[in-house]
Amino acid sequence: MTGTVLQVVNAGTFFLLVVNLRTRIAEQPIERRYLRDILAGEGLAEPSDLVGRQVELSDDGLSIAFV
């Protein structure tokens, strides 16, 4: 499922990506340590820098990839 990140919410022990999948809105939890790796890999400084980026979510919710 491909969508656009609408918001990144700091939920304390993890972050929550709010993603527009065109037909619905999905929420994808990401642990802090994995989000740090994603930001480094994408060359971004802050979690909010992910807003507006295209993301591919797996159907089972276990993996994501930024396009």
PDB file of N, CA and C in Angstrom:
ATOM      1  N   MET A   1       0.840  -1.164   0.000  1.00  0.00           N
ATOM      2  CA  MET A   1       0.000   0.000   0.000  1.00  0.00           C
ATOM      3  C   MET A   1       0.895   1.241   0.000  1.00  0.00           C
ATOM      4  N   THR A   2       0.723   2.078  -0.971  1.00  0.00           N
ATOM      5  CA  THR A   2       1.530   3.289  -1.078  1.00  0.00           C
ATOM      6  C   THR A   2       0.699   4.492  -0.655  1.00  0.00           C
ATOM      7  N   GLY A   3       1.299   5.370   0.116  1.00  0.00           N
ATOM      8  CA  GLY A   3       0.603   6.568   0.562  1.00  0.00           C
ATOM      9  C   GLY A   3       1.575   7.692   0.864  1.00  0.00           C
ATOM     10  N   THR A   4       1.025   8.764   1.402  1.00  0.00           N
ATOM     11  CA  THR A   4       1.788   9.956   1.744  1.00  0.00           C
ATOM     12  C   THR A   4       1.709  10.195   3.242  1.00  0.00           C
ATOM     13  N   VAL A   5       2.853  10.475   3.864  1.00  0.00           N
ATOM     14  CA  VAL A   5       2.886  10.756   5.297  1.00  0.00           C
ATOM     15  C   VAL A   5       2.215  12.108   5.548  1.00  0.00           C
ATOM     16  N   LEU A   6       1.174  12.092   6.368  1.00  0.00           N
ATOM     17  CA  LEU A   6       0.449  13.321   6.720  1.00  0.00           C
ATOM     18  C   LEU A   6       0.994  13.957   7.993  1.00  0.00           C
ATOM     19  N   GLN A   7       1.410  13.089   8.932  1.00  0.00           N
ATOM     20  CA  GLN A   7       1.824  13.593  10.238  1.00  0.00           C
ATOM     21  C   GLN A   7       2.708  12.545  10.910  1.00  0.00           C
ATOM     22  N   VAL A   8       3.650  13.007  11.719  1.00  0.00           N
ATOM     23  CA  VAL A   8       4.470  12.127  12.548  1.00  0.00           C
ATOM     24  C   VAL A   8       4.208  12.523  13.993  1.00  0.00           C
ATOM     25  N   VAL A   9       3.669  11.591  14.775  1.00  0.00           N
ATOM     26  CA  VAL A   9       3.276  11.866  16.152  1.00  0.00           C
ATOM     27  C   VAL A   9       4.264  11.210  17.110  1.00  0.00           C
ATOM     28  N   ASN A  10       4.791  11.995  18.039  1.00  0.00           N
ATOM     29  CA  ASN A  10       5.654  11.464  19.084  1.00  0.00           C
ATOM     30  C   ASN A  10       4.745  10.869  20.153  1.00  0.00           C
ATOM     31  N   ALA A  11       4.745   9.547  20.256  1.00  0.00           N
ATOM     32  CA  ALA A  11       3.871   8.858  21.204  1.00  0.00           C
ATOM     33  C   ALA A  11       4.642   8.368  22.430  1.00  0.00           C
ATOM     34  N   GLY A  12       5.724   9.013  22.744  1.00  0.00           N
ATOM     35  CA  GLY A  12       6.501   8.647  23.927  1.00  0.00           C
ATOM     36  C   GLY A  12       7.579   7.630  23.610  1.00  0.00           C
ATOM     37  N   THR A  13       7.266   6.349  23.714  1.00  0.00           N
ATOM     38  CA  THR A  13       8.254   5.298  23.464  1.00  0.00           C
ATOM     39  C   THR A  13       8.371   4.927  21.991  1.00  0.00           C
ATOM     40  N   PHE A  14       7.493   5.457  21.171  1.00  0.00           N
ATOM     41  CA  PHE A  14       7.540   5.193  19.735  1.00  0.00           C
ATOM     42  C   PHE A  14       6.959   6.382  18.987  1.00  0.00           C
ATOM     43  N   PHE A  15       7.091   6.371  17.668  1.00  0.00           N
ATOM     44  CA  PHE A  15       6.490   7.390  16.817  1.00  0.00           C
ATOM     45  C   PHE A  15       5.364   6.741  16.013  1.00  0.00           C
ATOM     46  N   LEU A  16       4.400   7.523  15.647  1.00  0.00           N
ATOM     47  CA  LEU A  16       3.272   7.041  14.865  1.00  0.00           C
ATOM     48  C   LEU A  16       3.201   7.842  13.572  1.00  0.00           C
ATOM     49  N   LEU A  17       3.329   7.144  12.440  1.00  0.00           N
ATOM     50  CA  LEU A  17       3.159   7.796  11.148  1.00  0.00           C
ATOM     51  C   LEU A  17       1.688   7.736  10.782  1.00  0.00           C
ATOM     52  N   VAL A  18       1.113   8.869  10.447  1.00  0.00           N
ATOM     53  CA  VAL A  18      -0.260   8.925   9.948  1.00  0.00           C
ATOM     54  C   VAL A  18      -0.127   9.054   8.431  1.00  0.00           C
ATOM     55  N   VAL A  19      -0.676   8.058   7.704  1.00  0.00           N
ATOM     56  CA  VAL A  19      -0.445   7.945   6.273  1.00  0.00           C
ATOM     57  C   VAL A  19      -1.767   7.965   5.514  1.00  0.00           C
ATOM     58  N   ASN A  20      -1.834   8.799   4.470  1.00  0.00           N
ATOM     59  CA  ASN A  20      -3.000   8.852   3.582  1.00  0.00           C
ATOM     60  C   ASN A  20      -2.786   7.806   2.489  1.00  0.00           C
ATOM     61  N   LEU A  21      -3.643   6.784   2.480  1.00  0.00           N
ATOM     62  CA  LEU A  21      -3.557   5.714   1.485  1.00  0.00           C
ATOM     63  C   LEU A  21      -4.590   5.890   0.380  1.00  0.00           C
ATOM     64  N   ARG A  22      -5.064   7.100   0.199  1.00  0.00           N
ATOM     65  CA  ARG A  22      -6.085   7.499  -0.783  1.00  0.00           C
ATOM     66  C   ARG A  22      -7.481   7.025  -0.389  1.00  0.00           C
ATOM     67  N   THR A  23      -7.662   5.737  -0.108  1.00  0.00           N
ATOM     68  CA  THR A  23      -8.988   5.234   0.258  1.00  0.00           C
ATOM     69  C   THR A  23      -9.218   5.231   1.759  1.00  0.00           C
ATOM     70  N   ARG A  24      -8.143   5.401   2.522  1.00  0.00           N
ATOM     71  CA  ARG A  24      -8.261   5.422   3.987  1.00  0.00           C
ATOM     72  C   ARG A  24      -7.013   6.029   4.598  1.00  0.00           C
ATOM     73  N   ILE A  25      -7.086   6.295   5.892  1.00  0.00           N
ATOM     74  CA  ILE A  25      -5.948   6.803   6.653  1.00  0.00           C
ATOM     75  C   ILE A  25      -5.432   5.655   7.522  1.00  0.00           C
ATOM     76  N   ALA A  26      -4.132   5.417   7.474  1.00  0.00           N
ATOM     77  CA  ALA A  26      -3.524   4.348   8.265  1.00  0.00           C
ATOM     78  C   ALA A  26      -2.566   4.950   9.279  1.00  0.00           C
ATOM     79  N   GLU A  27      -2.366   4.236  10.379  1.00  0.00           N
ATOM     80  CA  GLU A  27      -1.399   4.621  11.397  1.00  0.00           C
ATOM     81  C   GLU A  27      -0.348   3.530  11.486  1.00  0.00           C
ATOM     82  N   GLN A  28       0.906   3.909  11.381  1.00  0.00           N
ATOM     83  CA  GLN A  28       2.015   2.946  11.402  1.00  0.00           C
ATOM     84  C   GLN A  28       2.950   3.280  12.554  1.00  0.00           C
ATOM     85  N   PRO A  29       3.001   2.451  13.597  1.00  0.00           N
ATOM     86  CA  PRO A  29       3.947   2.699  14.692  1.00  0.00           C
ATOM     87  C   PRO A  29       5.369   2.343  14.279  1.00  0.00           C
ATOM     88  N   ILE A  30       6.330   3.139  14.750  1.00  0.00           N
ATOM     89  CA  ILE A  30       7.748   2.890  14.493  1.00  0.00           C
ATOM     90  C   ILE A  30       8.519   3.155  15.782  1.00  0.00           C
ATOM     91  N   GLU A  31       9.333   2.193  16.183  1.00  0.00           N
ATOM     92  CA  GLU A  31      10.159   2.385  17.366  1.00  0.00           C
ATOM     93  C   GLU A  31      11.175   3.494  17.116  1.00  0.00           C
ATOM     94  N   ARG A  32      11.539   4.187  18.176  1.00  0.00           N
ATOM     95  CA  ARG A  32      12.462   5.320  18.078  1.00  0.00           C
ATOM     96  C   ARG A  32      13.776   4.951  17.398  1.00  0.00           C
ATOM     97  N   ARG A  33      14.353   3.814  17.757  1.00  0.00           N
ATOM     98  CA  ARG A  33      15.656   3.438  17.192  1.00  0.00           C
ATOM     99  C   ARG A  33      15.557   3.190  15.691  1.00  0.00           C
ATOM    100  N   TYR A  34      14.432   2.635  15.225  1.00  0.00           N
ATOM    101  CA  TYR A  34      14.261   2.410  13.795  1.00  0.00           C
ATOM    102  C   TYR A  34      14.009   3.721  13.056  1.00  0.00           C
ATOM    103  N   LEU A  35      13.302   4.632  13.703  1.00  0.00           N
ATOM    104  CA  LEU A  35      13.061   5.925  13.074  1.00  0.00           C
ATOM    105  C   LEU A  35      14.375   6.680  12.898  1.00  0.00           C
ATOM    106  N   ARG A  36      15.269   6.584  13.871  1.00  0.00           N
ATOM    107  CA  ARG A  36      16.588   7.225  13.738  1.00  0.00           C
ATOM    108  C   ARG A  36      17.324   6.674  12.522  1.00  0.00           C
ATOM    109  N   ASP A  37      17.251   5.355  12.319  1.00  0.00           N
ATOM    110  CA  ASP A  37      17.899   4.743  11.156  1.00  0.00           C
ATOM    111  C   ASP A  37      17.270   5.222   9.852  1.00  0.00           C
ATOM    112  N   ILE A  38      15.947   5.344   9.837  1.00  0.00           N
ATOM    113  CA  ILE A  38      15.239   5.823   8.641  1.00  0.00           C
ATOM    114  C   ILE A  38      15.661   7.253   8.319  1.00  0.00           C
ATOM    115  N   LEU A  39      15.689   8.109   9.341  1.00  0.00           N
ATOM    116  CA  LEU A  39      16.076   9.510   9.125  1.00  0.00           C
ATOM    117  C   LEU A  39      17.504   9.603   8.594  1.00  0.00           C
ATOM    118  N   ALA A  40      18.405   8.818   9.161  1.00  0.00           N
ATOM    119  CA  ALA A  40      19.802   8.837   8.699  1.00  0.00           C
ATOM    120  C   ALA A  40      19.893   8.347   7.253  1.00  0.00           C
ATOM    121  N   GLY A  41      19.178   7.291   6.937  1.00  0.00           N
ATOM    122  CA  GLY A  41      19.206   6.741   5.588  1.00  0.00           C
ATOM    123  C   GLY A  41      18.625   7.670   4.542  1.00  0.00           C
ATOM    124  N   GLU A  42      17.647   8.470   4.941  1.00  0.00           N
ATOM    125  CA  GLU A  42      17.012   9.417   4.024  1.00  0.00           C
ATOM    126  C   GLU A  42      17.698  10.780   4.030  1.00  0.00           C
ATOM    127  N   GLY A  43      18.683  10.954   4.906  1.00  0.00           N
ATOM    128  CA  GLY A  43      19.397  12.228   4.987  1.00  0.00           C
ATOM    129  C   GLY A  43      18.558  13.338   5.609  1.00  0.00           C
ATOM    130  N   LEU A  44      17.696  12.979   6.547  1.00  0.00           N
ATOM    131  CA  LEU A  44      16.799  13.942   7.186  1.00  0.00           C
ATOM    132  C   LEU A  44      17.222  14.177   8.635  1.00  0.00           C
ATOM    133  N   ALA A  45      16.827  15.320   9.192  1.00  0.00           N
ATOM    134  CA  ALA A  45      17.234  15.683  10.538  1.00  0.00           C
ATOM    135  C   ALA A  45      16.151  15.423  11.584  1.00  0.00           C
ATOM    136  N   GLU A  46      14.910  15.676  11.255  1.00  0.00           N
ATOM    137  CA  GLU A  46      13.805  15.604  12.218  1.00  0.00           C
ATOM    138  C   GLU A  46      12.719  14.666  11.718  1.00  0.00           C
ATOM    139  N   PRO A  47      11.992  14.001  12.627  1.00  0.00           N
ATOM    140  CA  PRO A  47      10.881  13.153  12.204  1.00  0.00           C
ATOM    141  C   PRO A  47       9.840  13.898  11.362  1.00  0.00           C
ATOM    142  N   SER A  48       9.625  15.169  11.654  1.00  0.00           N
ATOM    143  CA  SER A  48       8.636  15.952  10.897  1.00  0.00           C
ATOM    144  C   SER A  48       9.051  16.143   9.435  1.00  0.00           C
ATOM    145  N   ASP A  49      10.336  15.917   9.128  1.00  0.00           N
ATOM    146  CA  ASP A  49      10.807  16.015   7.745  1.00  0.00           C
ATOM    147  C   ASP A  49      10.214  14.911   6.860  1.00  0.00           C
ATOM    148  N   LEU A  50       9.624  13.896   7.469  1.00  0.00           N
ATOM    149  CA  LEU A  50       9.002  12.811   6.706  1.00  0.00           C
ATOM    150  C   LEU A  50       7.631  13.190   6.155  1.00  0.00           C
ATOM    151  N   VAL A  51       7.040  14.257   6.681  1.00  0.00           N
ATOM    152  CA  VAL A  51       5.717  14.694   6.217  1.00  0.00           C
ATOM    153  C   VAL A  51       5.793  15.051   4.739  1.00  0.00           C
ATOM    154  N   GLY A  52       4.858  14.506   3.973  1.00  0.00           N
ATOM    155  CA  GLY A  52       4.805  14.744   2.546  1.00  0.00           C
ATOM    156  C   GLY A  52       5.554  13.713   1.721  1.00  0.00           C
ATOM    157  N   ARG A  53       6.315  12.844   2.375  1.00  0.00           N
ATOM    158  CA  ARG A  53       7.081  11.812   1.658  1.00  0.00           C
ATOM    159  C   ARG A  53       6.187  10.625   1.317  1.00  0.00           C
ATOM    160  N   GLN A  54       6.501   9.967   0.201  1.00  0.00           N
ATOM    161  CA  GLN A  54       5.797   8.753  -0.204  1.00  0.00           C
ATOM    162  C   GLN A  54       6.344   7.583   0.597  1.00  0.00           C
ATOM    163  N   VAL A  55       5.451   6.714   1.060  1.00  0.00           N
ATOM    164  CA  VAL A  55       5.854   5.553   1.849  1.00  0.00           C
ATOM    165  C   VAL A  55       5.068   4.330   1.387  1.00  0.00           C
ATOM    166  N   GLU A  56       5.725   3.190   1.393  1.00  0.00           N
ATOM    167  CA  GLU A  56       5.098   1.912   1.054  1.00  0.00           C
ATOM    168  C   GLU A  56       4.948   1.128   2.352  1.00  0.00           C
ATOM    169  N   LEU A  57       3.712   0.770   2.692  1.00  0.00           N
ATOM    170  CA  LEU A  57       3.430  -0.009   3.896  1.00  0.00           C
ATOM    171  C   LEU A  57       3.085  -1.436   3.500  1.00  0.00           C
ATOM    172  N   SER A  58       3.604  -2.404   4.245  1.00  0.00           N
ATOM    173  CA  SER A  58       3.231  -3.785   3.976  1.00  0.00           C
ATOM    174  C   SER A  58       1.831  -4.043   4.523  1.00  0.00           C
ATOM    175  N   ASP A  59       1.152  -5.026   3.973  1.00  0.00           N
ATOM    176  CA  ASP A  59      -0.209  -5.344   4.414  1.00  0.00           C
ATOM    177  C   ASP A  59      -0.238  -5.806   5.873  1.00  0.00           C
ATOM    178  N   ASP A  60       0.815  -6.465   6.325  1.00  0.00           N
ATOM    179  CA  ASP A  60       0.834  -6.973   7.703  1.00  0.00           C
ATOM    180  C   ASP A  60       1.319  -5.951   8.711  1.00  0.00           C
ATOM    181  N   GLY A  61       1.752  -4.769   8.231  1.00  0.00           N
ATOM    182  CA  GLY A  61       2.189  -3.711   9.129  1.00  0.00           C
ATOM    183  C   GLY A  61       3.578  -3.899   9.724  1.00  0.00           C
ATOM    184  N   LEU A  62       4.337  -4.883   9.209  1.00  0.00           N
ATOM    185  CA  LEU A  62       5.645  -5.167   9.775  1.00  0.00           C
ATOM    186  C   LEU A  62       6.801  -4.481   9.072  1.00  0.00           C
ATOM    187  N   SER A  63       6.558  -3.902   7.903  1.00  0.00           N
ATOM    188  CA  SER A  63       7.651  -3.226   7.214  1.00  0.00           C
ATOM    189  C   SER A  63       7.150  -2.011   6.443  1.00  0.00           C
ATOM    190  N   ILE A  64       8.074  -1.056   6.300  1.00  0.00           N
ATOM    191  CA  ILE A  64       7.786   0.154   5.527  1.00  0.00           C
ATOM    192  C   ILE A  64       9.000   0.472   4.663  1.00  0.00           C
ATOM    193  N   ALA A  65       8.773   1.204   3.606  1.00  0.00           N
ATOM    194  CA  ALA A  65       9.866   1.653   2.735  1.00  0.00           C
ATOM    195  C   ALA A  65       9.497   3.021   2.193  1.00  0.00           C
ATOM    196  N   PHE A  66      10.451   3.938   2.219  1.00  0.00           N
ATOM    197  CA  PHE A  66      10.214   5.249   1.646  1.00  0.00           C
ATOM    198  C   PHE A  66      10.617   5.220   0.187  1.00  0.00           C
ATOM    199  N   VAL A  67       9.721   5.744  -0.648  1.00  0.00           N
ATOM    200  CA  VAL A  67       9.898   5.702  -2.108  1.00  0.00           C
ATOM    201  C   VAL A  67      10.597   6.963  -2.571  1.00  0.00           C
TER     202      VAL A  67
END
